[in-house]
Amino acid sequence: MDGSCIQGNFLMMEVANSFHGKGTFKKGTGLSNIKTVAEKYGGAMSIETRGDVFVLHVLLIIPQRPESRTQQMDESAVASSRKKKKEAV
């Protein structure tokens, strides 16, 4: 089953795909890139096989902005919008 879910600050993705082989498969460039990026940002990747299906699990951490920074960005966007409206008049 393919899917994803978000719990707190984590995004977990699961992707299943068939493969033809003798119980093992080669990890290609794409899978190594996924692992590198996941680990770079504090996440993880794992693979399991179920018969002729491999299942890719990717865990990513969703960065959270401090509330005060989000509030500052919102206030800045409102001020910028008001300035543009005044300039247009």
Foldseek 3Di string as FASTA:
>chain_A
DWDWDDDDQKIKTKDKDFADDDQDDDDDPVNVVLQVVQVVQPKGWDWDDDVRMIMIITMHGHDDDPPVVVVVVVVVVVVVVVVVVVVVD
